[in-house]
Amino acid sequence: MTTALFPGSFDPFHNGHLEVVERAIRLFDEVVVAVVRNPQKSETLFSVTEREEMIKESLGHHEKVRTVSMSTLVVDVALTVGADIIVKGLRAVSDFDNELQMAQMNKQLSGIDTLFIPTGSTHSFIASRLIREIARYGGDVSAFVPDAVLSKMKGRFGE
């Protein structure tokens, strides 16, 4: 059985993330989505628990997916869940520089390779920070997030 780990802050989980998970499901026997508590991002919209719940609700129909949360190194989580590979989504070339460096470091620390999955053009411009900003100013984010996330965002910001 092959297991892939898809780590991220997912604040909030959006359709670009969903696309990466759905593509990874076709490649691996199990996909573990790991919600990361990133200390470099001091202001979050949703707690780790809320993010994990939204992801579970968004992906609950996929039997091959499970969700965990973490506040440690990605490689430690990968080893804990028995991941054979780490999956990372790429939106644009600008994502690649940082992700490549992390992939090389993770490989050195754990021996686990990283697979980059580029999002399709319909999701390449979506970023969690942009979704948060649009929602804060009352904009419509329904085209960018799964229904479970939209419901939570409406609860947070009102209709």
C-alpha atoms as a PDB file:
ATOM      1  CA  MET A   1       0.000   0.000   0.000  1.00  0.00           C
ATOM      2  CA  THR A   2       1.353   3.423  -0.903  1.00  0.00           C
ATOM      3  CA  THR A   3       0.584   6.398   1.306  1.00  0.00           C
ATOM      4  CA  ALA A   4       1.013  10.044   0.359  1.00  0.00           C
ATOM      5  CA  LEU A   5       1.168  12.921   2.828  1.00  0.00           C
ATOM      6  CA  PHE A   6      -0.295  16.257   1.686  1.00  0.00           C
ATOM      7  CA  PRO A   7       0.711  18.862   4.290  1.00  0.00           C
ATOM      8  CA  GLY A   8      -0.397  22.483   4.431  1.00  0.00           C
ATOM      9  CA  SER A   9      -1.843  25.206   6.583  1.00  0.00           C
ATOM     10  CA  PHE A  10      -5.140  25.109   4.623  1.00  0.00           C
ATOM     11  CA  ASP A  11      -6.444  28.377   6.107  1.00  0.00           C
ATOM     12  CA  PRO A  12      -8.854  27.908   4.441  1.00  0.00           C
ATOM     13  CA  PHE A  13      -8.880  24.698   2.399  1.00  0.00           C
ATOM     14  CA  HIS A  14      -9.815  25.673  -1.168  1.00  0.00           C
ATOM     15  CA  ASN A  15     -10.601  24.126  -4.535  1.00  0.00           C
ATOM     16  CA  GLY A  16      -6.940  24.132  -5.584  1.00  0.00           C
ATOM     17  CA  HIS A  17      -6.142  21.989  -2.529  1.00  0.00           C
ATOM     18  CA  LEU A  18      -9.136  19.807  -3.336  1.00  0.00           C
ATOM     19  CA  GLU A  19      -7.859  19.283  -6.886  1.00  0.00           C
ATOM     20  CA  VAL A  20      -4.432  18.182  -5.626  1.00  0.00           C
ATOM     21  CA  VAL A  21      -6.006  15.687  -3.192  1.00  0.00           C
ATOM     22  CA  GLU A  22      -8.316  14.274  -5.860  1.00  0.00           C
ATOM     23  CA  ARG A  23      -5.419  13.818  -8.255  1.00  0.00           C
ATOM     24  CA  ALA A  24      -3.284  12.204  -5.538  1.00  0.00           C
ATOM     25  CA  ILE A  25      -6.118   9.774  -4.771  1.00  0.00           C
ATOM     26  CA  ARG A  26      -5.762   8.405  -8.293  1.00  0.00           C
ATOM     27  CA  LEU A  27      -2.035   7.803  -7.744  1.00  0.00           C
ATOM     28  CA  PHE A  28      -1.872   6.406  -4.210  1.00  0.00           C
ATOM     29  CA  ASP A  29      -3.734   3.919  -2.042  1.00  0.00           C
ATOM     30  CA  GLU A  30      -4.119   6.436   0.775  1.00  0.00           C
ATOM     31  CA  VAL A  31      -3.756  10.209   1.023  1.00  0.00           C
ATOM     32  CA  VAL A  32      -3.211  11.753   4.447  1.00  0.00           C
ATOM     33  CA  VAL A  33      -4.030  15.459   4.556  1.00  0.00           C
ATOM     34  CA  ALA A  34      -2.030  17.052   7.372  1.00  0.00           C
ATOM     35  CA  VAL A  35      -3.141  20.405   8.741  1.00  0.00           C
ATOM     36  CA  VAL A  36      -0.009  22.240   9.796  1.00  0.00           C
ATOM     37  CA  ARG A  37       0.135  24.750  12.601  1.00  0.00           C
ATOM     38  CA  ASN A  38       2.597  27.177  11.061  1.00  0.00           C
ATOM     39  CA  PRO A  39       4.248  29.377  13.742  1.00  0.00           C
ATOM     40  CA  GLN A  40       5.356  31.799  11.004  1.00  0.00           C
ATOM     41  CA  LYS A  41       1.707  32.616  10.317  1.00  0.00           C
ATOM     42  CA  SER A  42       0.624  34.258  13.548  1.00  0.00           C
ATOM     43  CA  GLU A  43      -2.861  35.338  12.495  1.00  0.00           C
ATOM     44  CA  THR A  44      -5.065  32.517  11.274  1.00  0.00           C
ATOM     45  CA  LEU A  45      -8.694  32.672  10.253  1.00  0.00           C
ATOM     46  CA  PHE A  46      -9.582  29.211  11.559  1.00  0.00           C
ATOM     47  CA  SER A  47      -8.113  27.099  14.339  1.00  0.00           C
ATOM     48  CA  VAL A  48      -6.303  23.878  13.444  1.00  0.00           C
ATOM     49  CA  THR A  49      -9.308  21.916  14.712  1.00  0.00           C
ATOM     50  CA  GLU A  50     -11.725  23.935  12.560  1.00  0.00           C
ATOM     51  CA  ARG A  51      -9.535  23.481   9.492  1.00  0.00           C
ATOM     52  CA  GLU A  52      -9.285  19.746  10.070  1.00  0.00           C
ATOM     53  CA  GLU A  53     -13.082  19.501  10.447  1.00  0.00           C
ATOM     54  CA  MET A  54     -13.689  21.439   7.206  1.00  0.00           C
ATOM     55  CA  ILE A  55     -11.281  19.207   5.308  1.00  0.00           C
ATOM     56  CA  LYS A  56     -12.888  16.058   6.700  1.00  0.00           C
ATOM     57  CA  GLU A  57     -16.296  17.354   5.659  1.00  0.00           C
ATOM     58  CA  SER A  58     -15.021  18.362   2.206  1.00  0.00           C
ATOM     59  CA  LEU A  59     -13.303  15.022   1.596  1.00  0.00           C
ATOM     60  CA  GLY A  60     -15.505  12.687   3.635  1.00  0.00           C
ATOM     61  CA  HIS A  61     -16.823  10.956   0.536  1.00  0.00           C
ATOM     62  CA  HIS A  62     -13.301   9.749  -0.348  1.00  0.00           C
ATOM     63  CA  GLU A  63     -12.560   6.485   1.446  1.00  0.00           C
ATOM     64  CA  LYS A  64      -8.855   6.758   0.631  1.00  0.00           C
ATOM     65  CA  VAL A  65      -8.372  10.039   2.537  1.00  0.00           C
ATOM     66  CA  ARG A  66      -7.723  10.672   6.197  1.00  0.00           C
ATOM     67  CA  THR A  67      -6.907  13.894   7.979  1.00  0.00           C
ATOM     68  CA  VAL A  68      -4.462  14.637  10.785  1.00  0.00           C
ATOM     69  CA  SER A  69      -3.133  17.788  12.394  1.00  0.00           C
ATOM     70  CA  MET A  70       0.452  18.524  13.293  1.00  0.00           C
ATOM     71  CA  SER A  71       2.691  21.028  14.976  1.00  0.00           C
ATOM     72  CA  THR A  72       5.991  19.363  14.180  1.00  0.00           C
ATOM     73  CA  LEU A  73       8.225  18.794  11.189  1.00  0.00           C
ATOM     74  CA  VAL A  74       6.482  17.486   8.086  1.00  0.00           C
ATOM     75  CA  VAL A  75       8.982  14.629   7.884  1.00  0.00           C
ATOM     76  CA  ASP A  76       8.102  13.540  11.416  1.00  0.00           C
ATOM     77  CA  VAL A  77       4.435  13.354  10.458  1.00  0.00           C
ATOM     78  CA  ALA A  78       5.324  11.534   7.234  1.00  0.00           C
ATOM     79  CA  LEU A  79       7.207   8.906   9.221  1.00  0.00           C
ATOM     80  CA  THR A  80       4.431   8.660  11.824  1.00  0.00           C
ATOM     81  CA  VAL A  81       1.690   8.042   9.230  1.00  0.00           C
ATOM     82  CA  GLY A  82       3.905   5.734   7.164  1.00  0.00           C
ATOM     83  CA  ALA A  83       3.993   8.011   4.125  1.00  0.00           C
ATOM     84  CA  ASP A  84       5.946   6.809   1.123  1.00  0.00           C
ATOM     85  CA  ILE A  85       5.895  10.244  -0.466  1.00  0.00           C
ATOM     86  CA  ILE A  86       5.061  13.862   0.304  1.00  0.00           C
ATOM     87  CA  VAL A  87       2.710  15.581  -2.140  1.00  0.00           C
ATOM     88  CA  LYS A  88       2.825  19.315  -2.725  1.00  0.00           C
ATOM     89  CA  GLY A  89       0.665  21.392  -5.042  1.00  0.00           C
ATOM     90  CA  LEU A  90       2.157  24.025  -7.313  1.00  0.00           C
ATOM     91  CA  ARG A  91       0.180  26.966  -8.655  1.00  0.00           C
ATOM     92  CA  ALA A  92       2.924  28.854 -10.435  1.00  0.00           C
ATOM     93  CA  VAL A  93       6.658  28.895 -11.024  1.00  0.00           C
ATOM     94  CA  SER A  94       7.005  31.194  -8.016  1.00  0.00           C
ATOM     95  CA  ASP A  95       5.838  28.333  -5.749  1.00  0.00           C
ATOM     96  CA  PHE A  96       8.516  26.034  -7.093  1.00  0.00           C
ATOM     97  CA  ASP A  97      11.580  27.765  -5.584  1.00  0.00           C
ATOM     98  CA  ASN A  98      10.408  27.443  -1.992  1.00  0.00           C
ATOM     99  CA  GLU A  99       8.833  24.021  -2.463  1.00  0.00           C
ATOM    100  CA  LEU A 100      11.966  22.603  -4.112  1.00  0.00           C
ATOM    101  CA  GLN A 101      14.124  23.745  -1.218  1.00  0.00           C
ATOM    102  CA  MET A 102      11.722  22.163   1.292  1.00  0.00           C
ATOM    103  CA  ALA A 103      11.575  18.947  -0.767  1.00  0.00           C
ATOM    104  CA  GLN A 104      15.356  18.688  -0.801  1.00  0.00           C
ATOM    105  CA  MET A 105      15.557  19.312   2.943  1.00  0.00           C
ATOM    106  CA  ASN A 106      12.803  16.770   3.649  1.00  0.00           C
ATOM    107  CA  LYS A 107      14.588  14.189   1.490  1.00  0.00           C
ATOM    108  CA  GLN A 108      17.843  14.794   3.371  1.00  0.00           C
ATOM    109  CA  LEU A 109      16.125  14.506   6.765  1.00  0.00           C
ATOM    110  CA  SER A 110      13.957  11.483   6.077  1.00  0.00           C
ATOM    111  CA  GLY A 111      14.739   9.883   2.732  1.00  0.00           C
ATOM    112  CA  ILE A 112      11.154  10.607   1.618  1.00  0.00           C
ATOM    113  CA  ASP A 113      10.709  12.092  -1.847  1.00  0.00           C
ATOM    114  CA  THR A 114       8.282  14.862  -2.758  1.00  0.00           C
ATOM    115  CA  LEU A 115       5.942  14.747  -5.740  1.00  0.00           C
ATOM    116  CA  PHE A 116       4.830  18.083  -7.146  1.00  0.00           C
ATOM    117  CA  ILE A 117       1.327  18.198  -8.605  1.00  0.00           C
ATOM    118  CA  PRO A 118       0.577  21.371 -10.558  1.00  0.00           C
ATOM    119  CA  THR A 119      -2.967  22.670 -10.315  1.00  0.00           C
ATOM    120  CA  GLY A 120      -4.969  23.168 -13.450  1.00  0.00           C
ATOM    121  CA  SER A 121      -5.346  26.655 -14.860  1.00  0.00           C
ATOM    122  CA  THR A 122      -8.819  26.943 -13.328  1.00  0.00           C
ATOM    123  CA  HIS A 123      -7.261  26.872  -9.841  1.00  0.00           C
ATOM    124  CA  SER A 124      -3.775  28.294 -10.382  1.00  0.00           C
ATOM    125  CA  PHE A 125      -4.658  31.763  -9.120  1.00  0.00           C
ATOM    126  CA  ILE A 126      -6.435  30.645  -5.942  1.00  0.00           C
ATOM    127  CA  ALA A 127      -4.594  31.359  -2.696  1.00  0.00           C
ATOM    128  CA  SER A 128      -5.886  31.062   0.864  1.00  0.00           C
ATOM    129  CA  ARG A 129      -4.700  34.577   1.727  1.00  0.00           C
ATOM    130  CA  LEU A 130      -6.713  36.011  -1.184  1.00  0.00           C
ATOM    131  CA  ILE A 131      -9.805  34.065  -0.158  1.00  0.00           C
ATOM    132  CA  ARG A 132      -9.471  35.395   3.410  1.00  0.00           C
ATOM    133  CA  GLU A 133      -9.161  38.951   2.114  1.00  0.00           C
ATOM    134  CA  ILE A 134     -12.142  38.672  -0.230  1.00  0.00           C
ATOM    135  CA  ALA A 135     -14.295  37.180   2.539  1.00  0.00           C
ATOM    136  CA  ARG A 136     -13.248  39.848   5.068  1.00  0.00           C
ATOM    137  CA  TYR A 137     -14.539  42.536   2.714  1.00  0.00           C
ATOM    138  CA  GLY A 138     -17.803  40.721   2.021  1.00  0.00           C
ATOM    139  CA  GLY A 139     -16.878  39.308  -1.375  1.00  0.00           C
ATOM    140  CA  ASP A 140     -18.231  36.061  -2.781  1.00  0.00           C
ATOM    141  CA  VAL A 141     -15.764  33.159  -2.418  1.00  0.00           C
ATOM    142  CA  SER A 142     -18.211  30.397  -3.365  1.00  0.00           C
ATOM    143  CA  ALA A 143     -16.372  29.614  -6.615  1.00  0.00           C
ATOM    144  CA  PHE A 144     -13.098  29.036  -4.760  1.00  0.00           C
ATOM    145  CA  VAL A 145     -13.913  26.800  -1.782  1.00  0.00           C
ATOM    146  CA  PRO A 146     -15.818  23.559  -1.115  1.00  0.00           C
ATOM    147  CA  ASP A 147     -19.328  23.933   0.357  1.00  0.00           C
ATOM    148  CA  ALA A 148     -18.192  22.908   3.853  1.00  0.00           C
ATOM    149  CA  VAL A 149     -15.635  25.701   3.888  1.00  0.00           C
ATOM    150  CA  LEU A 150     -18.081  28.224   2.425  1.00  0.00           C
ATOM    151  CA  SER A 151     -20.543  27.454   5.198  1.00  0.00           C
ATOM    152  CA  LYS A 152     -17.885  28.065   7.892  1.00  0.00           C
ATOM    153  CA  MET A 153     -16.736  31.267   6.187  1.00  0.00           C
ATOM    154  CA  LYS A 154     -20.291  32.590   6.021  1.00  0.00           C
ATOM    155  CA  GLY A 155     -20.611  31.786   9.715  1.00  0.00           C
ATOM    156  CA  ARG A 156     -17.421  33.701  10.432  1.00  0.00           C
ATOM    157  CA  PHE A 157     -18.096  36.724   8.210  1.00  0.00           C
ATOM    158  CA  GLY A 158     -21.876  36.642   7.780  1.00  0.00           C
ATOM    159  CA  GLU A 159     -23.771  36.218   4.524  1.00  0.00           C
END
